Protein backbone atom coordinates (compact mmCIF):
# COMPACT_ATOMS: atom_id res chain seq x y z
CA UNK A 1 -6.50 37.49 -24.93
CA UNK A 2 -5.55 38.86 -21.48
CA UNK A 3 -6.83 36.53 -18.76
CA UNK A 4 -6.76 36.78 -14.93
CA UNK A 5 -6.44 33.56 -13.06
CA UNK A 6 -7.36 33.02 -9.39
CA UNK A 7 -7.20 29.96 -7.25
CA UNK A 8 -10.67 28.93 -6.16
CA UNK A 9 -9.74 25.76 -4.28
CA UNK A 10 -6.74 23.44 -3.68
CA UNK A 11 -6.93 20.10 -1.90
CA UNK A 12 -3.70 18.11 -1.46
CA UNK A 13 -3.58 14.41 -1.50
CA UNK A 14 -0.95 13.47 1.06
CA UNK A 15 1.22 10.47 1.61
CA UNK A 16 0.22 9.58 5.21
CA UNK A 17 3.71 8.13 6.06
CA UNK A 18 5.85 11.06 4.78
CA UNK A 19 3.44 14.08 4.95
CA UNK A 20 4.45 14.96 1.39
CA UNK A 21 1.93 15.92 -1.27
CA UNK A 22 1.33 13.33 -4.05
CA UNK A 23 -1.25 15.29 -5.95
CA UNK A 24 -3.35 18.46 -5.89
CA UNK A 25 -7.08 18.71 -6.87
CA UNK A 26 -7.25 22.37 -7.93
CA UNK A 27 -9.85 24.73 -9.33
CA UNK A 28 -8.86 27.89 -10.97
CA UNK A 29 -11.21 30.74 -12.09
CA UNK A 30 -10.28 32.26 -15.50
CA UNK A 31 -11.69 35.80 -16.19
CA UNK A 32 -11.38 38.01 -19.21
CA UNK A 33 -9.64 41.36 -18.85
CA UNK A 34 -12.97 43.07 -19.36
CA UNK A 35 -14.48 40.93 -16.63
CA UNK A 36 -17.52 40.14 -18.87
CA UNK A 37 -16.85 36.40 -18.76
CA UNK A 38 -15.33 33.85 -16.36
CA UNK A 39 -15.29 30.12 -16.05
CA UNK A 40 -13.69 27.74 -13.56
CA UNK A 41 -11.62 24.70 -14.59
CA UNK A 42 -10.54 21.91 -12.28
CA UNK A 43 -7.79 19.36 -12.59
CA UNK A 44 -5.87 16.82 -10.49
CA UNK A 45 -2.19 17.58 -10.82
CA UNK A 46 0.34 14.85 -9.92
CA UNK A 47 3.53 16.13 -8.17
CA UNK A 48 6.80 14.67 -6.98
CA UNK A 49 6.53 13.72 -3.33
CA UNK A 50 9.14 16.17 -2.09
CA UNK A 51 7.12 18.93 -0.28
CA UNK A 52 4.48 19.43 2.37
CA UNK A 53 1.34 21.34 1.48
CA UNK A 54 2.40 24.59 3.08
CA UNK A 55 5.57 24.63 0.97
CA UNK A 56 3.47 25.39 -2.16
CA UNK A 57 2.32 28.82 -3.27
CA UNK A 58 -0.98 29.81 -4.82
CA UNK A 59 0.87 31.09 -7.92
CA UNK A 60 2.69 27.83 -8.31
CA UNK A 61 -0.63 25.90 -8.17
CA UNK A 62 -2.25 28.21 -10.68
CA UNK A 63 0.72 27.84 -13.05
CA UNK A 64 0.45 24.02 -12.83
CA UNK A 65 -2.87 24.17 -14.77
CA UNK A 66 -2.43 22.92 -18.40
CA UNK A 67 -1.60 25.73 -20.82
CA UNK A 68 -4.16 24.57 -23.28
CA UNK A 69 -6.90 25.88 -20.96
CA UNK A 70 -5.73 29.48 -21.32
CA UNK A 71 -4.63 29.12 -24.94
CA UNK A 72 -7.52 27.30 -26.49
CA UNK A 73 -10.30 26.09 -24.14
CA UNK A 74 -11.14 29.36 -22.36
CA UNK A 75 -11.01 31.35 -25.61
CA UNK A 76 -13.43 28.77 -27.21
CA UNK A 77 -15.79 29.09 -24.36
CA UNK A 78 -15.58 32.87 -24.50
CA UNK A 79 -16.24 32.83 -28.19
CA UNK A 80 -19.34 30.56 -27.65
CA UNK A 81 -20.54 33.01 -24.92
CA UNK A 82 -20.18 35.97 -27.31
CA UNK A 83 -21.74 34.09 -30.33
CA UNK A 84 -24.35 31.69 -28.97
CA UNK A 85 -25.58 29.17 -31.63
CA UNK A 86 -28.55 30.32 -33.73
CA UNK A 87 -31.60 28.16 -33.22
CA UNK A 88 -32.08 26.20 -36.45
CA UNK A 89 -35.38 24.57 -35.56
CA UNK A 90 -38.45 25.55 -33.77
CA UNK A 91 -41.57 23.47 -32.72
CA UNK A 92 -44.87 24.92 -33.98
CA UNK A 93 -46.63 24.79 -30.62
CA UNK A 94 -50.34 24.87 -30.99
CA UNK A 95 -50.31 23.77 -34.59
CA UNK A 96 -53.96 23.12 -35.80
CA UNK A 97 -54.12 19.70 -37.24
CA UNK A 98 -57.50 20.65 -38.67
CA UNK A 99 -55.65 22.76 -41.21
CA UNK A 100 -54.36 19.58 -42.85
CA UNK A 101 -56.13 18.00 -45.78
CA UNK A 102 -57.82 14.70 -45.36
């Protein structure tokens, strides 16, 4: 399945004494090629404290999302969107209890 990913938000957690990033809270929007379905996924990604926030790229942050999202989770959500569960039960609203035998 072809998927487009775009960075929705990225918030660095910074070591105050060094100015280096310790972790990123990121949110990425995944969209099908046909653009008929999209969903956002958020994660906290721990990183080595070797760079300042501006030394990262959007592409790099998007790529840091776990592969399982694109490979399994997003396709499962898309499948559920295309094939919603069939309702198995229904309440008989307005049922006349007078129709029951004594």
